[in-house]
PDB file of N, CA and C in Angstrom:
ATOM      1  N   MET A   1      -0.064  25.624  16.956  1.00  0.00           N
ATOM      2  CA  MET A   1       0.722  24.613  17.620  1.00  0.00           C
ATOM      3  C   MET A   1       0.568  23.297  16.847  1.00  0.00           C
ATOM      4  N   PRO A   2       1.664  22.789  16.258  1.00  0.00           N
ATOM      5  CA  PRO A   2       1.572  21.537  15.501  1.00  0.00           C
ATOM      6  C   PRO A   2       1.318  20.351  16.433  1.00  0.00           C
ATOM      7  N   ILE A   3       0.552  19.420  15.921  1.00  0.00           N
ATOM      8  CA  ILE A   3       0.237  18.219  16.686  1.00  0.00           C
ATOM      9  C   ILE A   3       1.060  17.073  16.113  1.00  0.00           C
ATOM     10  N   ASP A   4       1.762  16.353  16.976  1.00  0.00           N
ATOM     11  CA  ASP A   4       2.557  15.207  16.540  1.00  0.00           C
ATOM     12  C   ASP A   4       1.670  13.973  16.562  1.00  0.00           C
ATOM     13  N   LEU A   5       1.362  13.438  15.384  1.00  0.00           N
ATOM     14  CA  LEU A   5       0.497  12.274  15.288  1.00  0.00           C
ATOM     15  C   LEU A   5       1.278  10.972  15.201  1.00  0.00           C
ATOM     16  N   GLN A   6       2.581  11.060  15.349  1.00  0.00           N
ATOM     17  CA  GLN A   6       3.406   9.857  15.294  1.00  0.00           C
ATOM     18  C   GLN A   6       3.301   9.093  16.614  1.00  0.00           C
ATOM     19  N   PRO A   7       3.265   7.764  16.532  1.00  0.00           N
ATOM     20  CA  PRO A   7       3.247   6.998  17.779  1.00  0.00           C
ATOM     21  C   PRO A   7       4.596   7.128  18.473  1.00  0.00           C
ATOM     22  N   PRO A   8       4.622   6.935  19.767  1.00  0.00           N
ATOM     23  CA  PRO A   8       5.918   7.012  20.452  1.00  0.00           C
ATOM     24  C   PRO A   8       6.818   5.878  19.976  1.00  0.00           C
ATOM     25  N   PRO A   9       8.121   6.109  19.947  1.00  0.00           N
ATOM     26  CA  PRO A   9       9.022   5.040  19.495  1.00  0.00           C
ATOM     27  C   PRO A   9       8.945   3.857  20.460  1.00  0.00           C
ATOM     28  N   PRO A  10       9.028   2.645  19.925  1.00  0.00           N
ATOM     29  CA  PRO A  10       8.967   1.476  20.809  1.00  0.00           C
ATOM     30  C   PRO A  10      10.201   1.406  21.703  1.00  0.00           C
ATOM     31  N   ARG A  11      10.012   0.824  22.868  1.00  0.00           N
ATOM     32  CA  ARG A  11      11.119   0.666  23.819  1.00  0.00           C
ATOM     33  C   ARG A  11      11.191  -0.779  24.277  1.00  0.00           C
ATOM     34  N   GLY A  12      12.334  -1.160  24.783  1.00  0.00           N
ATOM     35  CA  GLY A  12      12.493  -2.486  25.361  1.00  0.00           C
ATOM     36  C   GLY A  12      12.230  -3.593  24.356  1.00  0.00           C
ATOM     37  N   TRP A  13      11.408  -4.566  24.775  1.00  0.00           N
ATOM     38  CA  TRP A  13      11.096  -5.728  23.941  1.00  0.00           C
ATOM     39  C   TRP A  13      10.483  -5.300  22.610  1.00  0.00           C
ATOM     40  N   ALA A  14       9.574  -4.338  22.643  1.00  0.00           N
ATOM     41  CA  ALA A  14       8.916  -3.887  21.408  1.00  0.00           C
ATOM     42  C   ALA A  14       9.932  -3.314  20.423  1.00  0.00           C
ATOM     43  N   ALA A  15      10.933  -2.606  20.924  1.00  0.00           N
ATOM     44  CA  ALA A  15      11.967  -2.038  20.049  1.00  0.00           C
ATOM     45  C   ALA A  15      12.802  -3.150  19.417  1.00  0.00           C
ATOM     46  N   ARG A  16      13.165  -4.145  20.229  1.00  0.00           N
ATOM     47  CA  ARG A  16      13.935  -5.283  19.702  1.00  0.00           C
ATOM     48  C   ARG A  16      13.129  -6.023  18.645  1.00  0.00           C
ATOM     49  N   GLN A  17      11.866  -6.253  18.953  1.00  0.00           N
ATOM     50  CA  GLN A  17      10.994  -6.960  18.018  1.00  0.00           C
ATOM     51  C   GLN A  17      10.870  -6.181  16.706  1.00  0.00           C
ATOM     52  N   ALA A  18      10.710  -4.867  16.794  1.00  0.00           N
ATOM     53  CA  ALA A  18      10.588  -4.031  15.592  1.00  0.00           C
ATOM     54  C   ALA A  18      11.857  -4.117  14.746  1.00  0.00           C
ATOM     55  N   ARG A  19      13.019  -4.118  15.381  1.00  0.00           N
ATOM     56  CA  ARG A  19      14.284  -4.235  14.634  1.00  0.00           C
ATOM     57  C   ARG A  19      14.382  -5.590  13.941  1.00  0.00           C
ATOM     58  N   TRP A  20      13.995  -6.655  14.636  1.00  0.00           N
ATOM     59  CA  TRP A  20      14.046  -7.994  14.036  1.00  0.00           C
ATOM     60  C   TRP A  20      13.105  -8.097  12.849  1.00  0.00           C
ATOM     61  N   VAL A  21      11.900  -7.594  13.029  1.00  0.00           N
ATOM     62  CA  VAL A  21      10.920  -7.644  11.936  1.00  0.00           C
ATOM     63  C   VAL A  21      11.447  -6.864  10.730  1.00  0.00           C
ATOM     64  N   ALA A  22      12.015  -5.690  10.971  1.00  0.00           N
ATOM     65  CA  ALA A  22      12.548  -4.873   9.876  1.00  0.00           C
ATOM     66  C   ALA A  22      13.668  -5.622   9.148  1.00  0.00           C
ATOM     67  N   ARG A  23      14.551  -6.277   9.895  1.00  0.00           N
ATOM     68  CA  ARG A  23      15.653  -7.017   9.262  1.00  0.00           C
ATOM     69  C   ARG A  23      15.134  -8.193   8.444  1.00  0.00           C
ATOM     70  N   ILE A  24      14.141  -8.898   8.991  1.00  0.00           N
ATOM     71  CA  ILE A  24      13.566 -10.042   8.274  1.00  0.00           C
ATOM     72  C   ILE A  24      12.869  -9.569   7.001  1.00  0.00           C
ATOM     73  N   LYS A  25      12.097  -8.482   7.108  1.00  0.00           N
ATOM     74  CA  LYS A  25      11.400  -7.955   5.929  1.00  0.00           C
ATOM     75  C   LYS A  25      12.386  -7.518   4.858  1.00  0.00           C
ATOM     76  N   CYS A  26      13.448  -6.837   5.261  1.00  0.00           N
ATOM     77  CA  CYS A  26      14.451  -6.386   4.280  1.00  0.00           C
ATOM     78  C   CYS A  26      15.106  -7.574   3.592  1.00  0.00           C
ATOM     79  N   ALA A  27      15.441  -8.603   4.359  1.00  0.00           N
ATOM     80  CA  ALA A  27      16.065  -9.792   3.768  1.00  0.00           C
ATOM     81  C   ALA A  27      15.097 -10.480   2.803  1.00  0.00           C
ATOM     82  N   ALA A  28      13.831 -10.582   3.189  1.00  0.00           N
ATOM     83  CA  ALA A  28      12.834 -11.223   2.320  1.00  0.00           C
ATOM     84  C   ALA A  28      12.659 -10.434   1.028  1.00  0.00           C
ATOM     85  N   LEU A  29      12.588  -9.115   1.130  1.00  0.00           N
ATOM     86  CA  LEU A  29      12.435  -8.291  -0.074  1.00  0.00           C
ATOM     87  C   LEU A  29      13.654  -8.399  -0.983  1.00  0.00           C
ATOM     88  N   ARG A  30      14.844  -8.442  -0.389  1.00  0.00           N
ATOM     89  CA  ARG A  30      16.064  -8.619  -1.200  1.00  0.00           C
ATOM     90  C   ARG A  30      16.005  -9.930  -1.975  1.00  0.00           C
ATOM     91  N   GLN A  31      15.569 -10.994  -1.296  1.00  0.00           N
ATOM     92  CA  GLN A  31      15.481 -12.296  -1.962  1.00  0.00           C
ATOM     93  C   GLN A  31      14.428 -12.275  -3.065  1.00  0.00           C
ATOM     94  N   LEU A  32      13.289 -11.641  -2.808  1.00  0.00           N
ATOM     95  CA  LEU A  32      12.245 -11.575  -3.833  1.00  0.00           C
ATOM     96  C   LEU A  32      12.718 -10.784  -5.052  1.00  0.00           C
ATOM     97  N   HIS A  33      13.412  -9.685  -4.816  1.00  0.00           N
ATOM     98  CA  HIS A  33      13.891  -8.862  -5.932  1.00  0.00           C
ATOM     99  C   HIS A  33      15.038  -9.528  -6.697  1.00  0.00           C
ATOM    100  N   ALA A  34      15.612 -10.579  -6.137  1.00  0.00           N
ATOM    101  CA  ALA A  34      16.750 -11.245  -6.778  1.00  0.00           C
ATOM    102  C   ALA A  34      16.335 -12.203  -7.891  1.00  0.00           C
ATOM    103  N   SER A  35      15.042 -12.482  -8.027  1.00  0.00           N
ATOM    104  CA  SER A  35      14.619 -13.413  -9.081  1.00  0.00           C
ATOM    105  C   SER A  35      13.413 -12.859  -9.831  1.00  0.00           C
ATOM    106  N   ALA A  36      13.262 -13.306 -11.055  1.00  0.00           N
ATOM    107  CA  ALA A  36      12.116 -12.873 -11.868  1.00  0.00           C
ATOM    108  C   ALA A  36      10.807 -13.343 -11.235  1.00  0.00           C
ATOM    109  N   ALA A  37      10.801 -14.560 -10.700  1.00  0.00           N
ATOM    110  CA  ALA A  37       9.583 -15.076 -10.064  1.00  0.00           C
ATOM    111  C   ALA A  37       9.228 -14.249  -8.826  1.00  0.00           C
ATOM    112  N   GLY A  38      10.246 -13.867  -8.070  1.00  0.00           N
ATOM    113  CA  GLY A  38      10.012 -13.034  -6.888  1.00  0.00           C
ATOM    114  C   GLY A  38       9.469 -11.665  -7.264  1.00  0.00           C
ATOM    115  N   GLU A  39      10.031 -11.088  -8.313  1.00  0.00           N
ATOM    116  CA  GLU A  39       9.546  -9.787  -8.798  1.00  0.00           C
ATOM    117  C   GLU A  39       8.085  -9.883  -9.224  1.00  0.00           C
ATOM    118  N   ARG A  40       7.736 -10.958  -9.931  1.00  0.00           N
ATOM    119  CA  ARG A  40       6.347 -11.142 -10.373  1.00  0.00           C
ATOM    120  C   ARG A  40       5.417 -11.307  -9.172  1.00  0.00           C
ATOM    121  N   LEU A  41       5.873 -12.025  -8.157  1.00  0.00           N
ATOM    122  CA  LEU A  41       5.060 -12.192  -6.953  1.00  0.00           C
ATOM    123  C   LEU A  41       4.795 -10.838  -6.302  1.00  0.00           C
ATOM    124  N   LEU A  42       5.834 -10.020  -6.177  1.00  0.00           N
ATOM    125  CA  LEU A  42       5.654  -8.681  -5.601  1.00  0.00           C
ATOM    126  C   LEU A  42       4.683  -7.849  -6.430  1.00  0.00           C
ATOM    127  N   LEU A  43       4.824  -7.896  -7.749  1.00  0.00           N
ATOM    128  CA  LEU A  43       3.905  -7.149  -8.612  1.00  0.00           C
ATOM    129  C   LEU A  43       2.468  -7.616  -8.424  1.00  0.00           C
ATOM    130  N   ARG A  44       2.274  -8.927  -8.290  1.00  0.00           N
ATOM    131  CA  ARG A  44       0.914  -9.445  -8.071  1.00  0.00           C
ATOM    132  C   ARG A  44       0.354  -8.963  -6.738  1.00  0.00           C
ATOM    133  N   VAL A  45       1.193  -8.964  -5.692  1.00  0.00           N
ATOM    134  CA  VAL A  45       0.749  -8.483  -4.375  1.00  0.00           C
ATOM    135  C   VAL A  45       0.373  -7.005  -4.462  1.00  0.00           C
ATOM    136  N   TYR A  46       1.212  -6.204  -5.114  1.00  0.00           N
ATOM    137  CA  TYR A  46       0.910  -4.781  -5.274  1.00  0.00           C
ATOM    138  C   TYR A  46      -0.371  -4.582  -6.074  1.00  0.00           C
ATOM    139  N   LEU A  47      -0.542  -5.363  -7.135  1.00  0.00           N
ATOM    140  CA  LEU A  47      -1.749  -5.261  -7.961  1.00  0.00           C
ATOM    141  C   LEU A  47      -2.990  -5.576  -7.130  1.00  0.00           C
ATOM    142  N   ILE A  48      -2.932  -6.627  -6.334  1.00  0.00           N
ATOM    143  CA  ILE A  48      -4.069  -6.983  -5.475  1.00  0.00           C
ATOM    144  C   ILE A  48      -4.388  -5.838  -4.521  1.00  0.00           C
ATOM    145  N   GLY A  49      -3.360  -5.231  -3.949  1.00  0.00           N
ATOM    146  CA  GLY A  49      -3.572  -4.100  -3.038  1.00  0.00           C
ATOM    147  C   GLY A  49      -4.224  -2.916  -3.727  1.00  0.00           C
ATOM    148  N   GLU A  50      -3.753  -2.595  -4.929  1.00  0.00           N
ATOM    149  CA  GLU A  50      -4.330  -1.474  -5.676  1.00  0.00           C
ATOM    150  C   GLU A  50      -5.780  -1.759  -6.041  1.00  0.00           C
ATOM    151  N   GLU A  51      -6.051  -2.988  -6.490  1.00  0.00           N
ATOM    152  CA  GLU A  51      -7.422  -3.331  -6.871  1.00  0.00           C
ATOM    153  C   GLU A  51      -8.351  -3.330  -5.666  1.00  0.00           C
ATOM    154  N   ALA A  52      -7.862  -3.777  -4.510  1.00  0.00           N
ATOM    155  CA  ALA A  52      -8.685  -3.771  -3.298  1.00  0.00           C
ATOM    156  C   ALA A  52      -9.020  -2.336  -2.885  1.00  0.00           C
ATOM    157  N   THR A  53      -8.045  -1.451  -2.990  1.00  0.00           N
ATOM    158  CA  THR A  53      -8.290  -0.044  -2.663  1.00  0.00           C
ATOM    159  C   THR A  53      -9.283   0.559  -3.642  1.00  0.00           C
ATOM    160  N   GLU A  54      -9.141   0.199  -4.909  1.00  0.00           N
ATOM    161  CA  GLU A  54     -10.061   0.673  -5.946  1.00  0.00           C
ATOM    162  C   GLU A  54     -11.500   0.264  -5.612  1.00  0.00           C
ATOM    163  N   ILE A  55     -11.687  -0.987  -5.233  1.00  0.00           N
ATOM    164  CA  ILE A  55     -13.023  -1.490  -4.893  1.00  0.00           C
ATOM    165  C   ILE A  55     -13.572  -0.762  -3.674  1.00  0.00           C
ATOM    166  N   ALA A  56     -12.738  -0.579  -2.657  1.00  0.00           N
ATOM    167  CA  ALA A  56     -13.185   0.100  -1.441  1.00  0.00           C
ATOM    168  C   ALA A  56     -13.579   1.546  -1.728  1.00  0.00           C
ATOM    169  N   LEU A  57     -12.769   2.243  -2.519  1.00  0.00           N
ATOM    170  CA  LEU A  57     -13.089   3.636  -2.852  1.00  0.00           C
ATOM    171  C   LEU A  57     -14.372   3.729  -3.666  1.00  0.00           C
ATOM    172  N   ALA A  58     -14.530   2.852  -4.635  1.00  0.00           N
ATOM    173  CA  ALA A  58     -15.745   2.866  -5.455  1.00  0.00           C
ATOM    174  C   ALA A  58     -16.966   2.600  -4.586  1.00  0.00           C
ATOM    175  N   SER A  59     -16.826   1.698  -3.636  1.00  0.00           N
ATOM    176  CA  SER A  59     -17.925   1.385  -2.722  1.00  0.00           C
ATOM    177  C   SER A  59     -18.262   2.596  -1.852  1.00  0.00           C
ATOM    178  N   ASP A  60     -17.231   3.268  -1.345  1.00  0.00           N
ATOM    179  CA  ASP A  60     -17.458   4.454  -0.508  1.00  0.00           C
ATOM    180  C   ASP A  60     -18.088   5.587  -1.305  1.00  0.00           C
ATOM    181  N   LEU A  61     -17.731   5.698  -2.582  1.00  0.00           N
ATOM    182  CA  LEU A  61     -18.303   6.750  -3.425  1.00  0.00           C
ATOM    183  C   LEU A  61     -19.762   6.479  -3.756  1.00  0.00           C
ATOM    184  N   ALA A  62     -20.187   5.222  -3.625  1.00  0.00           N
ATOM    185  CA  ALA A  62     -21.581   4.878  -3.917  1.00  0.00           C
ATOM    186  C   ALA A  62     -22.525   5.535  -2.910  1.00  0.00           C
ATOM    187  N   GLY A  63     -22.011   5.862  -1.731  1.00  0.00           N
ATOM    188  CA  GLY A  63     -22.809   6.585  -0.742  1.00  0.00           C
ATOM    189  C   GLY A  63     -22.948   8.034  -1.169  1.00  0.00           C
ATOM    190  N   THR A  64     -23.151   8.906  -0.234  1.00  0.00           N
ATOM    191  CA  THR A  64     -23.279  10.334  -0.551  1.00  0.00           C
ATOM    192  C   THR A  64     -22.284  11.145   0.277  1.00  0.00           C
ATOM    193  N   PRO A  65     -20.994  11.045  -0.081  1.00  0.00           N
ATOM    194  CA  PRO A  65     -20.017  11.864   0.643  1.00  0.00           C
ATOM    195  C   PRO A  65     -20.177  13.335   0.256  1.00  0.00           C
ATOM    196  N   PRO A  66     -19.703  14.248   1.109  1.00  0.00           N
ATOM    197  CA  PRO A  66     -19.727  15.667   0.741  1.00  0.00           C
ATOM    198  C   PRO A  66     -18.951  15.885  -0.560  1.00  0.00           C
ATOM    199  N   ASP A  67     -19.306  16.932  -1.283  1.00  0.00           N
ATOM    200  CA  ASP A  67     -18.680  17.202  -2.587  1.00  0.00           C
ATOM    201  C   ASP A  67     -17.158  17.254  -2.515  1.00  0.00           C
ATOM    202  N   TRP A  68     -16.629  17.958  -1.507  1.00  0.00           N
ATOM    203  CA  TRP A  68     -15.176  18.092  -1.408  1.00  0.00           C
ATOM    204  C   TRP A  68     -14.522  16.728  -1.203  1.00  0.00           C
ATOM    205  N   LEU A  69     -15.167  15.859  -0.420  1.00  0.00           N
ATOM    206  CA  LEU A  69     -14.611  14.535  -0.177  1.00  0.00           C
ATOM    207  C   LEU A  69     -14.755  13.654  -1.420  1.00  0.00           C
ATOM    208  N   ALA A  70     -15.872  13.768  -2.104  1.00  0.00           N
ATOM    209  CA  ALA A  70     -16.086  12.988  -3.329  1.00  0.00           C
ATOM    210  C   ALA A  70     -15.018  13.333  -4.368  1.00  0.00           C
ATOM    211  N   ARG A  71     -14.670  14.620  -4.492  1.00  0.00           N
ATOM    212  CA  ARG A  71     -13.623  15.028  -5.443  1.00  0.00           C
ATOM    213  C   ARG A  71     -12.285  14.390  -5.072  1.00  0.00           C
ATOM    214  N   GLN A  72     -11.950  14.430  -3.788  1.00  0.00           N
ATOM    215  CA  GLN A  72     -10.687  13.823  -3.333  1.00  0.00           C
ATOM    216  C   GLN A  72     -10.685  12.317  -3.580  1.00  0.00           C
ATOM    217  N   MET A  73     -11.813  11.672  -3.293  1.00  0.00           N
ATOM    218  CA  MET A  73     -11.912  10.225  -3.477  1.00  0.00           C
ATOM    219  C   MET A  73     -11.829   9.853  -4.953  1.00  0.00           C
ATOM    220  N   GLU A  74     -12.447  10.650  -5.814  1.00  0.00           N
ATOM    221  CA  GLU A  74     -12.378  10.384  -7.255  1.00  0.00           C
ATOM    222  C   GLU A  74     -10.951  10.528  -7.769  1.00  0.00           C
ATOM    223  N   HIS A  75     -10.246  11.534  -7.258  1.00  0.00           N
ATOM    224  CA  HIS A  75      -8.843  11.729  -7.632  1.00  0.00           C
ATOM    225  C   HIS A  75      -8.010  10.527  -7.166  1.00  0.00           C
ATOM    226  N   HIS A  76      -8.234  10.105  -5.938  1.00  0.00           N
ATOM    227  CA  HIS A  76      -7.513   8.957  -5.388  1.00  0.00           C
ATOM    228  C   HIS A  76      -7.851   7.691  -6.178  1.00  0.00           C
ATOM    229  N   LEU A  77      -9.119   7.524  -6.523  1.00  0.00           N
ATOM    230  CA  LEU A  77      -9.549   6.362  -7.302  1.00  0.00           C
ATOM    231  C   LEU A  77      -8.860   6.339  -8.668  1.00  0.00           C
ATOM    232  N   ALA A  78      -8.752   7.497  -9.301  1.00  0.00           N
ATOM    233  CA  ALA A  78      -8.059   7.575 -10.596  1.00  0.00           C
ATOM    234  C   ALA A  78      -6.590   7.176 -10.443  1.00  0.00           C
ATOM    235  N   ASP A  79      -5.954   7.618  -9.353  1.00  0.00           N
ATOM    236  CA  ASP A  79      -4.566   7.217  -9.082  1.00  0.00           C
ATOM    237  C   ASP A  79      -4.458   5.707  -8.923  1.00  0.00           C
ATOM    238  N   GLU A  80      -5.368   5.133  -8.140  1.00  0.00           N
ATOM    239  CA  GLU A  80      -5.335   3.687  -7.910  1.00  0.00           C
ATOM    240  C   GLU A  80      -5.530   2.927  -9.218  1.00  0.00           C
ATOM    241  N   ARG A  81      -6.403   3.419 -10.073  1.00  0.00           N
ATOM    242  CA  ARG A  81      -6.625   2.758 -11.369  1.00  0.00           C
ATOM    243  C   ARG A  81      -5.369   2.809 -12.231  1.00  0.00           C
ATOM    244  N   ARG A  82      -4.675   3.947 -12.214  1.00  0.00           N
ATOM    245  CA  ARG A  82      -3.420   4.064 -12.977  1.00  0.00           C
ATOM    246  C   ARG A  82      -2.373   3.089 -12.431  1.00  0.00           C
ATOM    247  N   HIS A  83      -2.283   3.021 -11.101  1.00  0.00           N
ATOM    248  CA  HIS A  83      -1.317   2.102 -10.495  1.00  0.00           C
ATOM    249  C   HIS A  83      -1.640   0.658 -10.866  1.00  0.00           C
ATOM    250  N   ALA A  84      -2.910   0.282 -10.746  1.00  0.00           N
ATOM    251  CA  ALA A  84      -3.318  -1.091 -11.072  1.00  0.00           C
ATOM    252  C   ALA A  84      -3.020  -1.399 -12.539  1.00  0.00           C
ATOM    253  N   ALA A  85      -3.284  -0.446 -13.421  1.00  0.00           N
ATOM    254  CA  ALA A  85      -3.015  -0.657 -14.849  1.00  0.00           C
ATOM    255  C   ALA A  85      -1.516  -0.836 -15.095  1.00  0.00           C
ATOM    256  N   ALA A  86      -0.693  -0.070 -14.392  1.00  0.00           N
ATOM    257  CA  ALA A  86       0.762  -0.187 -14.561  1.00  0.00           C
ATOM    258  C   ALA A  86       1.254  -1.552 -14.090  1.00  0.00           C
ATOM    259  N   PHE A  87       0.767  -2.007 -12.938  1.00  0.00           N
ATOM    260  CA  PHE A  87       1.180  -3.325 -12.445  1.00  0.00           C
ATOM    261  C   PHE A  87       0.690  -4.428 -13.375  1.00  0.00           C
ATOM    262  N   ALA A  88      -0.552  -4.321 -13.837  1.00  0.00           N
ATOM    263  CA  ALA A  88      -1.108  -5.332 -14.746  1.00  0.00           C
ATOM    264  C   ALA A  88      -0.311  -5.371 -16.050  1.00  0.00           C
ATOM    265  N   ALA A  89       0.084  -4.200 -16.554  1.00  0.00           N
ATOM    266  CA  ALA A  89       0.864  -4.148 -17.796  1.00  0.00           C
ATOM    267  C   ALA A  89       2.221  -4.828 -17.611  1.00  0.00           C
ATOM    268  N   GLU A  90       2.841  -4.631 -16.457  1.00  0.00           N
ATOM    269  CA  GLU A  90       4.132  -5.276 -16.189  1.00  0.00           C
ATOM    270  C   GLU A  90       3.991  -6.785 -16.115  1.00  0.00           C
ATOM    271  N   LEU A  91       2.852  -7.244 -15.607  1.00  0.00           N
ATOM    272  CA  LEU A  91       2.636  -8.682 -15.460  1.00  0.00           C
ATOM    273  C   LEU A  91       2.230  -9.351 -16.769  1.00  0.00           C
ATOM    274  N   ALA A  92       1.744  -8.565 -17.731  1.00  0.00           N
ATOM    275  CA  ALA A  92       1.268  -9.147 -19.004  1.00  0.00           C
ATOM    276  C   ALA A  92       2.420  -9.628 -19.859  1.00  0.00           C
TER     277      ALA A  92
END
């Protein structure tokens, strides 16, 4: 029996608020993508996110996770490093 882990869809005020937030976010992203400075800002934000995840994963690996989890975390860490390198290269 599959388990649905999705939250229930918002209703009423929460649904209206979610639609407004989505519209505002889409408009902001369109404006950012419309200029070179906006694109660079987005790349910097993405780079910060990737580097933060990299630091968190490295910190978690410093403990003693089970072997299967350590392998998954190392794989994820390698992905994050590739992403960070790609964003940094674009910004250079």
